[in-house]
Amino acid sequence: STEAAADYLKDLYGMFGSWNLAMAAYNAGEGKILRAMRQSKADSYWDLVGTRHIKNETKEYVPKFIAAGLIATNPKDFGFADIEYHEPLSYDEVLLDMPIDLVLPLS
């Protein structure tokens, strides 16, 4: 699902030509952002923030995403020291030739 989300975000970037608009569209939906841009005549995410055409959730999503990226890039600059990183999870890949129910039986 992470790869699918990354592929979709990349597609949104191709559609909007802006990572900020792509992230807003990922959060609110591409149709919502396209309508909001058309109605407000905005051509950037930051222009949209000053309008009533997108919800506060989306207005706050993009800056939080940007902040998380900045913190992850250099955590010590933001007060995160002595972080214990876990080893990557190991897993097996299995190819299926038919659907399978992933619900576990209750005991």
PDB file of N, CA and C in Angstrom:
ATOM      1  N   SER A   1       0.820  -1.200   0.000  1.00  0.00           N
ATOM      2  CA  SER A   1       0.000   0.000   0.000  1.00  0.00           C
ATOM      3  C   SER A   1       0.864   1.264   0.000  1.00  0.00           C
ATOM      4  N   THR A   2       2.053   1.186   0.594  1.00  0.00           N
ATOM      5  CA  THR A   2       2.949   2.344   0.594  1.00  0.00           C
ATOM      6  C   THR A   2       3.386   2.682  -0.823  1.00  0.00           C
ATOM      7  N   GLU A   3       3.704   1.649  -1.594  1.00  0.00           N
ATOM      8  CA  GLU A   3       4.106   1.883  -2.981  1.00  0.00           C
ATOM      9  C   GLU A   3       2.956   2.457  -3.793  1.00  0.00           C
ATOM     10  N   ALA A   4       1.751   1.977  -3.567  1.00  0.00           N
ATOM     11  CA  ALA A   4       0.578   2.499  -4.279  1.00  0.00           C
ATOM     12  C   ALA A   4       0.355   3.960  -3.915  1.00  0.00           C
ATOM     13  N   ALA A   5       0.508   4.293  -2.640  1.00  0.00           N
ATOM     14  CA  ALA A   5       0.332   5.682  -2.199  1.00  0.00           C
ATOM     15  C   ALA A   5       1.389   6.581  -2.838  1.00  0.00           C
ATOM     16  N   ALA A   6       2.633   6.121  -2.893  1.00  0.00           N
ATOM     17  CA  ALA A   6       3.708   6.893  -3.509  1.00  0.00           C
ATOM     18  C   ALA A   6       3.458   7.079  -5.006  1.00  0.00           C
ATOM     19  N   ASP A   7       2.989   6.023  -5.671  1.00  0.00           N
ATOM     20  CA  ASP A   7       2.673   6.121  -7.103  1.00  0.00           C
ATOM     21  C   ASP A   7       1.548   7.124  -7.344  1.00  0.00           C
ATOM     22  N   TYR A   8       0.530   7.086  -6.482  1.00  0.00           N
ATOM     23  CA  TYR A   8      -0.597   8.013  -6.628  1.00  0.00           C
ATOM     24  C   TYR A   8      -0.133   9.445  -6.396  1.00  0.00           C
ATOM     25  N   LEU A   9       0.691   9.665  -5.388  1.00  0.00           N
ATOM     26  CA  LEU A   9       1.201  11.007  -5.114  1.00  0.00           C
ATOM     27  C   LEU A   9       2.025  11.512  -6.294  1.00  0.00           C
ATOM     28  N   LYS A  10       2.804  10.632  -6.893  1.00  0.00           N
ATOM     29  CA  LYS A  10       3.584  10.997  -8.083  1.00  0.00           C
ATOM     30  C   LYS A  10       2.652  11.367  -9.242  1.00  0.00           C
ATOM     31  N   ASP A  11       1.578  10.608  -9.427  1.00  0.00           N
ATOM     32  CA  ASP A  11       0.593  10.931 -10.463  1.00  0.00           C
ATOM     33  C   ASP A  11      -0.050  12.290 -10.206  1.00  0.00           C
ATOM     34  N   LEU A  12      -0.353  12.563  -8.941  1.00  0.00           N
ATOM     35  CA  LEU A  12      -0.945  13.856  -8.586  1.00  0.00           C
ATOM     36  C   LEU A  12       0.031  14.992  -8.880  1.00  0.00           C
ATOM     37  N   TYR A  13       1.316  14.755  -8.613  1.00  0.00           N
ATOM     38  CA  TYR A  13       2.310  15.770  -8.947  1.00  0.00           C
ATOM     39  C   TYR A  13       2.315  16.026 -10.454  1.00  0.00           C
ATOM     40  N   GLY A  14       2.225  14.967 -11.238  1.00  0.00           N
ATOM     41  CA  GLY A  14       2.161  15.122 -12.691  1.00  0.00           C
ATOM     42  C   GLY A  14       0.941  15.914 -13.122  1.00  0.00           C
ATOM     43  N   MET A  15      -0.163  15.748 -12.397  1.00  0.00           N
ATOM     44  CA  MET A  15      -1.398  16.453 -12.723  1.00  0.00           C
ATOM     45  C   MET A  15      -1.326  17.934 -12.338  1.00  0.00           C
ATOM     46  N   PHE A  16      -0.767  18.218 -11.157  1.00  0.00           N
ATOM     47  CA  PHE A  16      -0.788  19.587 -10.631  1.00  0.00           C
ATOM     48  C   PHE A  16       0.525  20.343 -10.835  1.00  0.00           C
ATOM     49  N   GLY A  17       1.632  19.618 -11.034  1.00  0.00           N
ATOM     50  CA  GLY A  17       2.922  20.287 -11.213  1.00  0.00           C
ATOM     51  C   GLY A  17       3.451  20.929  -9.941  1.00  0.00           C
ATOM     52  N   SER A  18       2.928  20.510  -8.795  1.00  0.00           N
ATOM     53  CA  SER A  18       3.313  21.084  -7.510  1.00  0.00           C
ATOM     54  C   SER A  18       3.154  20.010  -6.444  1.00  0.00           C
ATOM     55  N   TRP A  19       4.200  19.819  -5.625  1.00  0.00           N
ATOM     56  CA  TRP A  19       4.095  18.829  -4.559  1.00  0.00           C
ATOM     57  C   TRP A  19       3.078  19.252  -3.512  1.00  0.00           C
ATOM     58  N   ASN A  20       2.986  20.553  -3.235  1.00  0.00           N
ATOM     59  CA  ASN A  20       2.018  21.015  -2.237  1.00  0.00           C
ATOM     60  C   ASN A  20       0.586  20.750  -2.698  1.00  0.00           C
ATOM     61  N   LEU A  21       0.285  21.050  -3.961  1.00  0.00           N
ATOM     62  CA  LEU A  21      -1.053  20.764  -4.485  1.00  0.00           C
ATOM     63  C   LEU A  21      -1.286  19.256  -4.564  1.00  0.00           C
ATOM     64  N   ALA A  22      -0.248  18.510  -4.896  1.00  0.00           N
ATOM     65  CA  ALA A  22      -0.380  17.047  -4.940  1.00  0.00           C
ATOM     66  C   ALA A  22      -0.732  16.507  -3.557  1.00  0.00           C
ATOM     67  N   MET A  23      -0.068  17.004  -2.522  1.00  0.00           N
ATOM     68  CA  MET A  23      -0.368  16.557  -1.159  1.00  0.00           C
ATOM     69  C   MET A  23      -1.778  16.969  -0.737  1.00  0.00           C
ATOM     70  N   ALA A  24      -2.192  18.178  -1.122  1.00  0.00           N
ATOM     71  CA  ALA A  24      -3.554  18.617  -0.811  1.00  0.00           C
ATOM     72  C   ALA A  24      -4.569  17.719  -1.507  1.00  0.00           C
ATOM     73  N   ALA A  25      -4.299  17.375  -2.758  1.00  0.00           N
ATOM     74  CA  ALA A  25      -5.198  16.498  -3.504  1.00  0.00           C
ATOM     75  C   ALA A  25      -5.194  15.089  -2.933  1.00  0.00           C
ATOM     76  N   TYR A  26      -4.072  14.640  -2.445  1.00  0.00           N
ATOM     77  CA  TYR A  26      -3.997  13.324  -1.800  1.00  0.00           C
ATOM     78  C   TYR A  26      -4.906  13.308  -0.575  1.00  0.00           C
ATOM     79  N   ASN A  27      -4.951  14.419   0.140  1.00  0.00           N
ATOM     80  CA  ASN A  27      -5.756  14.515   1.352  1.00  0.00           C
ATOM     81  C   ASN A  27      -7.237  14.734   1.046  1.00  0.00           C
ATOM     82  N   ALA A  28      -7.542  15.654   0.139  1.00  0.00           N
ATOM     83  CA  ALA A  28      -8.934  16.057  -0.092  1.00  0.00           C
ATOM     84  C   ALA A  28      -9.574  15.405  -1.315  1.00  0.00           C
ATOM     85  N   GLY A  29      -8.737  14.916  -2.219  1.00  0.00           N
ATOM     86  CA  GLY A  29      -9.234  14.388  -3.485  1.00  0.00           C
ATOM     87  C   GLY A  29      -8.903  15.349  -4.608  1.00  0.00           C
ATOM     88  N   GLU A  30      -8.511  14.780  -5.735  1.00  0.00           N
ATOM     89  CA  GLU A  30      -8.095  15.631  -6.851  1.00  0.00           C
ATOM     90  C   GLU A  30      -9.224  16.502  -7.383  1.00  0.00           C
ATOM     91  N   GLY A  31     -10.438  15.952  -7.412  1.00  0.00           N
ATOM     92  CA  GLY A  31     -11.580  16.730  -7.891  1.00  0.00           C
ATOM     93  C   GLY A  31     -11.846  17.934  -7.013  1.00  0.00           C
ATOM     94  N   LYS A  32     -11.745  17.755  -5.708  1.00  0.00           N
ATOM     95  CA  LYS A  32     -11.966  18.856  -4.768  1.00  0.00           C
ATOM     96  C   LYS A  32     -10.948  19.969  -4.983  1.00  0.00           C
ATOM     97  N   ILE A  33      -9.694  19.610  -5.146  1.00  0.00           N
ATOM     98  CA  ILE A  33      -8.651  20.624  -5.337  1.00  0.00           C
ATOM     99  C   ILE A  33      -8.804  21.313  -6.689  1.00  0.00           C
ATOM    100  N   LEU A  34      -9.130  20.544  -7.734  1.00  0.00           N
ATOM    101  CA  LEU A  34      -9.358  21.160  -9.050  1.00  0.00           C
ATOM    102  C   LEU A  34     -10.521  22.155  -8.997  1.00  0.00           C
ATOM    103  N   ARG A  35     -11.627  21.764  -8.341  1.00  0.00           N
ATOM    104  CA  ARG A  35     -12.773  22.680  -8.198  1.00  0.00           C
ATOM    105  C   ARG A  35     -12.402  23.910  -7.380  1.00  0.00           C
ATOM    106  N   ALA A  36     -11.684  23.698  -6.289  1.00  0.00           N
ATOM    107  CA  ALA A  36     -11.290  24.807  -5.425  1.00  0.00           C
ATOM    108  C   ALA A  36     -10.398  25.792  -6.181  1.00  0.00           C
ATOM    109  N   MET A  37      -9.490  25.281  -6.981  1.00  0.00           N
ATOM    110  CA  MET A  37      -8.611  26.149  -7.766  1.00  0.00           C
ATOM    111  C   MET A  37      -9.405  26.933  -8.804  1.00  0.00           C
ATOM    112  N   ARG A  38     -10.349  26.247  -9.444  1.00  0.00           N
ATOM    113  CA  ARG A  38     -11.170  26.914 -10.464  1.00  0.00           C
ATOM    114  C   ARG A  38     -12.046  27.988  -9.828  1.00  0.00           C
ATOM    115  N   GLN A  39     -12.703  27.650  -8.721  1.00  0.00           N
ATOM    116  CA  GLN A  39     -13.612  28.590  -8.070  1.00  0.00           C
ATOM    117  C   GLN A  39     -12.882  29.789  -7.476  1.00  0.00           C
ATOM    118  N   SER A  40     -11.706  29.570  -6.943  1.00  0.00           N
ATOM    119  CA  SER A  40     -10.982  30.662  -6.281  1.00  0.00           C
ATOM    120  C   SER A  40      -9.980  31.345  -7.201  1.00  0.00           C
ATOM    121  N   LYS A  41      -9.794  30.778  -8.395  1.00  0.00           N
ATOM    122  CA  LYS A  41      -8.800  31.262  -9.349  1.00  0.00           C
ATOM    123  C   LYS A  41      -7.381  31.211  -8.762  1.00  0.00           C
ATOM    124  N   ALA A  42      -7.173  30.287  -7.827  1.00  0.00           N
ATOM    125  CA  ALA A  42      -5.859  30.090  -7.217  1.00  0.00           C
ATOM    126  C   ALA A  42      -4.990  29.256  -8.138  1.00  0.00           C
ATOM    127  N   ASP A  43      -3.702  29.543  -8.152  1.00  0.00           N
ATOM    128  CA  ASP A  43      -2.811  28.707  -8.957  1.00  0.00           C
ATOM    129  C   ASP A  43      -1.710  28.061  -8.114  1.00  0.00           C
ATOM    130  N   SER A  44      -1.835  28.158  -6.785  1.00  0.00           N
ATOM    131  CA  SER A  44      -0.891  27.479  -5.903  1.00  0.00           C
ATOM    132  C   SER A  44      -1.620  27.032  -4.636  1.00  0.00           C
ATOM    133  N   TYR A  45      -0.996  26.120  -3.925  1.00  0.00           N
ATOM    134  CA  TYR A  45      -1.574  25.666  -2.660  1.00  0.00           C
ATOM    135  C   TYR A  45      -1.711  26.836  -1.696  1.00  0.00           C
ATOM    136  N   TRP A  46      -0.681  27.675  -1.631  1.00  0.00           N
ATOM    137  CA  TRP A  46      -0.691  28.779  -0.663  1.00  0.00           C
ATOM    138  C   TRP A  46      -1.784  29.782  -0.990  1.00  0.00           C
ATOM    139  N   ASP A  47      -2.152  29.928  -2.261  1.00  0.00           N
ATOM    140  CA  ASP A  47      -3.303  30.771  -2.619  1.00  0.00           C
ATOM    141  C   ASP A  47      -4.600  30.145  -2.125  1.00  0.00           C
ATOM    142  N   LEU A  48      -4.684  28.828  -2.190  1.00  0.00           N
ATOM    143  CA  LEU A  48      -5.898  28.128  -1.742  1.00  0.00           C
ATOM    144  C   LEU A  48      -6.110  28.233  -0.235  1.00  0.00           C
ATOM    145  N   VAL A  49      -5.020  28.292   0.518  1.00  0.00           N
ATOM    146  CA  VAL A  49      -5.122  28.324   1.979  1.00  0.00           C
ATOM    147  C   VAL A  49      -5.962  29.523   2.446  1.00  0.00           C
ATOM    148  N   GLY A  50      -5.885  30.618   1.744  1.00  0.00           N
ATOM    149  CA  GLY A  50      -6.622  31.821   2.135  1.00  0.00           C
ATOM    150  C   GLY A  50      -8.079  31.832   1.693  1.00  0.00           C
ATOM    151  N   THR A  51      -8.558  30.731   1.138  1.00  0.00           N
ATOM    152  CA  THR A  51      -9.946  30.694   0.655  1.00  0.00           C
ATOM    153  C   THR A  51     -10.783  29.782   1.535  1.00  0.00           C
ATOM    154  N   ARG A  52     -12.064  29.768   1.267  1.00  0.00           N
ATOM    155  CA  ARG A  52     -12.988  28.883   1.977  1.00  0.00           C
ATOM    156  C   ARG A  52     -13.264  27.612   1.167  1.00  0.00           C
ATOM    157  N   HIS A  53     -12.523  27.414   0.111  1.00  0.00           N
ATOM    158  CA  HIS A  53     -12.813  26.328  -0.822  1.00  0.00           C
ATOM    159  C   HIS A  53     -12.213  24.979  -0.443  1.00  0.00           C
ATOM    160  N   ILE A  54     -11.326  24.955   0.541  1.00  0.00           N
ATOM    161  CA  ILE A  54     -10.829  23.674   1.048  1.00  0.00           C
ATOM    162  C   ILE A  54     -10.980  23.674   2.565  1.00  0.00           C
ATOM    163  N   LYS A  55     -11.135  22.472   3.110  1.00  0.00           N
ATOM    164  CA  LYS A  55     -11.348  22.337   4.549  1.00  0.00           C
ATOM    165  C   LYS A  55     -10.066  22.613   5.327  1.00  0.00           C
ATOM    166  N   ASN A  56     -10.237  22.972   6.589  1.00  0.00           N
ATOM    167  CA  ASN A  56      -9.094  23.220   7.466  1.00  0.00           C
ATOM    168  C   ASN A  56      -8.187  21.993   7.560  1.00  0.00           C
ATOM    169  N   GLU A  57      -8.771  20.807   7.528  1.00  0.00           N
ATOM    170  CA  GLU A  57      -7.974  19.578   7.585  1.00  0.00           C
ATOM    171  C   GLU A  57      -6.927  19.578   6.476  1.00  0.00           C
ATOM    172  N   THR A  58      -7.325  19.962   5.271  1.00  0.00           N
ATOM    173  CA  THR A  58      -6.396  19.988   4.140  1.00  0.00           C
ATOM    174  C   THR A  58      -5.440  21.166   4.260  1.00  0.00           C
ATOM    175  N   LYS A  59      -5.934  22.292   4.744  1.00  0.00           N
ATOM    176  CA  LYS A  59      -5.065  23.458   4.942  1.00  0.00           C
ATOM    177  C   LYS A  59      -3.951  23.144   5.933  1.00  0.00           C
ATOM    178  N   GLU A  60      -4.235  22.287   6.913  1.00  0.00           N
ATOM    179  CA  GLU A  60      -3.240  21.934   7.923  1.00  0.00           C
ATOM    180  C   GLU A  60      -2.398  20.716   7.524  1.00  0.00           C
ATOM    181  N   TYR A  61      -2.900  19.883   6.620  1.00  0.00           N
ATOM    182  CA  TYR A  61      -2.221  18.655   6.228  1.00  0.00           C
ATOM    183  C   TYR A  61      -0.879  18.931   5.558  1.00  0.00           C
ATOM    184  N   VAL A  62      -0.866  19.840   4.615  1.00  0.00           N
ATOM    185  CA  VAL A  62       0.346  20.094   3.840  1.00  0.00           C
ATOM    186  C   VAL A  62       1.469  20.649   4.726  1.00  0.00           C
ATOM    187  N   PRO A  63       1.226  21.673   5.547  1.00  0.00           N
ATOM    188  CA  PRO A  63       2.312  22.148   6.418  1.00  0.00           C
ATOM    189  C   PRO A  63       2.813  21.068   7.388  1.00  0.00           C
ATOM    190  N   LYS A  64       1.912  20.214   7.880  1.00  0.00           N
ATOM    191  CA  LYS A  64       2.337  19.127   8.768  1.00  0.00           C
ATOM    192  C   LYS A  64       3.235  18.144   8.012  1.00  0.00           C
ATOM    193  N   PHE A  65       2.884  17.862   6.774  1.00  0.00           N
ATOM    194  CA  PHE A  65       3.678  16.966   5.940  1.00  0.00           C
ATOM    195  C   PHE A  65       5.067  17.558   5.708  1.00  0.00           C
ATOM    196  N   ILE A  66       5.098  18.855   5.400  1.00  0.00           N
ATOM    197  CA  ILE A  66       6.375  19.550   5.184  1.00  0.00           C
ATOM    198  C   ILE A  66       7.214  19.510   6.466  1.00  0.00           C
ATOM    199  N   ALA A  67       6.581  19.804   7.599  1.00  0.00           N
ATOM    200  CA  ALA A  67       7.290  19.792   8.881  1.00  0.00           C
ATOM    201  C   ALA A  67       7.843  18.416   9.189  1.00  0.00           C
ATOM    202  N   ALA A  68       7.046  17.376   8.958  1.00  0.00           N
ATOM    203  CA  ALA A  68       7.511  16.009   9.216  1.00  0.00           C
ATOM    204  C   ALA A  68       8.724  15.683   8.351  1.00  0.00           C
ATOM    205  N   GLY A  69       8.712  16.126   7.122  1.00  0.00           N
ATOM    206  CA  GLY A  69       9.855  15.894   6.230  1.00  0.00           C
ATOM    207  C   GLY A  69      11.106  16.603   6.711  1.00  0.00           C
ATOM    208  N   LEU A  70      10.938  17.841   7.155  1.00  0.00           N
ATOM    209  CA  LEU A  70      12.091  18.595   7.662  1.00  0.00           C
ATOM    210  C   LEU A  70      12.662  17.949   8.925  1.00  0.00           C
ATOM    211  N   ILE A  71      11.782  17.532   9.821  1.00  0.00           N
ATOM    212  CA  ILE A  71      12.230  16.892  11.061  1.00  0.00           C
ATOM    213  C   ILE A  71      12.924  15.571  10.754  1.00  0.00           C
ATOM    214  N   ALA A  72      12.347  14.779   9.852  1.00  0.00           N
ATOM    215  CA  ALA A  72      12.933  13.479   9.509  1.00  0.00           C
ATOM    216  C   ALA A  72      14.295  13.634   8.842  1.00  0.00           C
ATOM    217  N   THR A  73      14.490  14.719   8.107  1.00  0.00           N
ATOM    218  CA  THR A  73      15.755  14.947   7.423  1.00  0.00           C
ATOM    219  C   THR A  73      16.883  15.243   8.404  1.00  0.00           C
ATOM    220  N   ASN A  74      16.570  15.974   9.469  1.00  0.00           N
ATOM    221  CA  ASN A  74      17.598  16.321  10.439  1.00  0.00           C
ATOM    222  C   ASN A  74      16.998  16.393  11.842  1.00  0.00           C
ATOM    223  N   PRO A  75      16.688  15.254  12.439  1.00  0.00           N
ATOM    224  CA  PRO A  75      15.972  15.235  13.713  1.00  0.00           C
ATOM    225  C   PRO A  75      16.687  15.957  14.859  1.00  0.00           C
ATOM    226  N   LYS A  76      18.018  15.931  14.877  1.00  0.00           N
ATOM    227  CA  LYS A  76      18.757  16.577  15.967  1.00  0.00           C
ATOM    228  C   LYS A  76      18.511  18.079  16.007  1.00  0.00           C
ATOM    229  N   ASP A  77      18.331  18.700  14.857  1.00  0.00           N
ATOM    230  CA  ASP A  77      18.061  20.142  14.804  1.00  0.00           C
ATOM    231  C   ASP A  77      16.725  20.496  15.462  1.00  0.00           C
ATOM    232  N   PHE A  78      15.862  19.506  15.633  1.00  0.00           N
ATOM    233  CA  PHE A  78      14.537  19.748  16.192  1.00  0.00           C
ATOM    234  C   PHE A  78      14.365  19.098  17.564  1.00  0.00           C
ATOM    235  N   GLY A  79      15.475  18.787  18.204  1.00  0.00           N
ATOM    236  CA  GLY A  79      15.426  18.278  19.565  1.00  0.00           C
ATOM    237  C   GLY A  79      15.242  16.782  19.700  1.00  0.00           C
ATOM    238  N   PHE A  80      15.341  16.058  18.625  1.00  0.00           N
ATOM    239  CA  PHE A  80      15.217  14.600  18.693  1.00  0.00           C
ATOM    240  C   PHE A  80      16.627  13.997  18.710  1.00  0.00           C
ATOM    241  N   ALA A  81      17.065  13.626  19.899  1.00  0.00           N
ATOM    242  CA  ALA A  81      18.404  13.067  20.040  1.00  0.00           C
ATOM    243  C   ALA A  81      18.288  11.637  20.557  1.00  0.00           C
ATOM    244  N   ASP A  82      19.341  10.889  20.387  1.00  0.00           N
ATOM    245  CA  ASP A  82      19.394   9.514  20.881  1.00  0.00           C
ATOM    246  C   ASP A  82      18.206   8.676  20.398  1.00  0.00           C
ATOM    247  N   ILE A  83      17.920   8.768  19.137  1.00  0.00           N
ATOM    248  CA  ILE A  83      16.822   8.002  18.559  1.00  0.00           C
ATOM    249  C   ILE A  83      17.300   6.575  18.326  1.00  0.00           C
ATOM    250  N   GLU A  84      16.512   5.625  18.777  1.00  0.00           N
ATOM    251  CA  GLU A  84      16.814   4.213  18.536  1.00  0.00           C
ATOM    252  C   GLU A  84      16.068   3.759  17.289  1.00  0.00           C
ATOM    253  N   TYR A  85      16.814   3.471  16.246  1.00  0.00           N
ATOM    254  CA  TYR A  85      16.192   3.014  15.011  1.00  0.00           C
ATOM    255  C   TYR A  85      16.065   1.502  15.038  1.00  0.00           C
ATOM    256  N   HIS A  86      14.948   1.002  14.584  1.00  0.00           N
ATOM    257  CA  HIS A  86      14.709  -0.432  14.520  1.00  0.00           C
ATOM    258  C   HIS A  86      15.222  -0.980  13.193  1.00  0.00           C
ATOM    259  N   GLU A  87      15.599  -2.227  13.217  1.00  0.00           N
ATOM    260  CA  GLU A  87      15.970  -2.904  11.984  1.00  0.00           C
ATOM    261  C   GLU A  87      14.720  -3.012  11.098  1.00  0.00           C
ATOM    262  N   PRO A  88      14.898  -2.969   9.786  1.00  0.00           N
ATOM    263  CA  PRO A  88      13.739  -3.155   8.908  1.00  0.00           C
ATOM    264  C   PRO A  88      13.076  -4.507   9.164  1.00  0.00           C
ATOM    265  N   LEU A  89      11.782  -4.556   9.022  1.00  0.00           N
ATOM    266  CA  LEU A  89      11.046  -5.808   9.204  1.00  0.00           C
ATOM    267  C   LEU A  89      11.417  -6.786   8.098  1.00  0.00           C
ATOM    268  N   SER A  90      11.481  -8.034   8.441  1.00  0.00           N
ATOM    269  CA  SER A  90      11.697  -9.043   7.402  1.00  0.00           C
ATOM    270  C   SER A  90      10.345  -9.666   7.081  1.00  0.00           C
ATOM    271  N   TYR A  91      10.170 -10.025   5.852  1.00  0.00           N
ATOM    272  CA  TYR A  91       8.894 -10.592   5.428  1.00  0.00           C
ATOM    273  C   TYR A  91       9.121 -11.441   4.190  1.00  0.00           C
ATOM    274  N   ASP A  92       8.167 -12.270   3.915  1.00  0.00           N
ATOM    275  CA  ASP A  92       8.192 -13.107   2.722  1.00  0.00           C
ATOM    276  C   ASP A  92       7.148 -12.596   1.744  1.00  0.00           C
ATOM    277  N   GLU A  93       7.448 -12.716   0.484  1.00  0.00           N
ATOM    278  CA  GLU A  93       6.474 -12.394  -0.556  1.00  0.00           C
ATOM    279  C   GLU A  93       5.923 -13.696  -1.102  1.00  0.00           C
ATOM    280  N   VAL A  94       4.612 -13.732  -1.263  1.00  0.00           N
ATOM    281  CA  VAL A  94       3.953 -14.922  -1.773  1.00  0.00           C
ATOM    282  C   VAL A  94       3.061 -14.516  -2.932  1.00  0.00           C
ATOM    283  N   LEU A  95       3.225 -15.174  -4.060  1.00  0.00           N
ATOM    284  CA  LEU A  95       2.360 -14.921  -5.208  1.00  0.00           C
ATOM    285  C   LEU A  95       1.149 -15.836  -5.112  1.00  0.00           C
ATOM    286  N   LEU A  96      -0.035 -15.269  -5.258  1.00  0.00           N
ATOM    287  CA  LEU A  96      -1.271 -16.034  -5.177  1.00  0.00           C
ATOM    288  C   LEU A  96      -1.897 -16.129  -6.551  1.00  0.00           C
ATOM    289  N   ASP A  97      -2.514 -17.245  -6.845  1.00  0.00           N
ATOM    290  CA  ASP A  97      -3.194 -17.394  -8.119  1.00  0.00           C
ATOM    291  C   ASP A  97      -4.708 -17.288  -7.968  1.00  0.00           C
ATOM    292  N   MET A  98      -5.153 -16.979  -6.734  1.00  0.00           N
ATOM    293  CA  MET A  98      -6.574 -16.764  -6.494  1.00  0.00           C
ATOM    294  C   MET A  98      -6.727 -15.920  -5.228  1.00  0.00           C
ATOM    295  N   PRO A  99      -7.888 -15.300  -5.027  1.00  0.00           N
ATOM    296  CA  PRO A  99      -8.086 -14.479  -3.823  1.00  0.00           C
ATOM    297  C   PRO A  99      -7.995 -15.330  -2.556  1.00  0.00           C
ATOM    298  N   ILE A 100      -7.630 -14.661  -1.479  1.00  0.00           N
ATOM    299  CA  ILE A 100      -7.528 -15.362  -0.201  1.00  0.00           C
ATOM    300  C   ILE A 100      -8.134 -14.460   0.887  1.00  0.00           C
ATOM    301  N   ASP A 101      -8.853 -15.047   1.830  1.00  0.00           N
ATOM    302  CA  ASP A 101      -9.459 -14.312   2.924  1.00  0.00           C
ATOM    303  C   ASP A 101      -8.401 -14.086   3.998  1.00  0.00           C
ATOM    304  N   LEU A 102      -8.146 -12.836   4.342  1.00  0.00           N
ATOM    305  CA  LEU A 102      -7.126 -12.525   5.326  1.00  0.00           C
ATOM    306  C   LEU A 102      -7.672 -12.393   6.740  1.00  0.00           C
ATOM    307  N   VAL A 103      -8.944 -12.597   6.925  1.00  0.00           N
ATOM    308  CA  VAL A 103      -9.527 -12.518   8.261  1.00  0.00           C
ATOM    309  C   VAL A 103      -9.084 -13.740   9.048  1.00  0.00           C
ATOM    310  N   LEU A 104      -8.543 -13.473  10.238  1.00  0.00           N
ATOM    311  CA  LEU A 104      -8.100 -14.571  11.086  1.00  0.00           C
ATOM    312  C   LEU A 104      -9.271 -15.099  11.891  1.00  0.00           C
ATOM    313  N   PRO A 105      -9.353 -16.398  12.073  1.00  0.00           N
ATOM    314  CA  PRO A 105     -10.441 -16.941  12.877  1.00  0.00           C
ATOM    315  C   PRO A 105     -10.273 -16.536  14.343  1.00  0.00           C
ATOM    316  N   LEU A 106     -11.373 -16.233  14.997  1.00  0.00           N
ATOM    317  CA  LEU A 106     -11.330 -15.896  16.422  1.00  0.00           C
ATOM    318  C   LEU A 106     -11.244 -17.177  17.231  1.00  0.00           C
ATOM    319  N   SER A 107     -10.406 -17.166  18.266  1.00  0.00           N
ATOM    320  CA  SER A 107     -10.309 -18.390  19.065  1.00  0.00           C
ATOM    321  C   SER A 107     -11.100 -18.283  20.338  1.00  0.00           C
TER     322      SER A 107
END
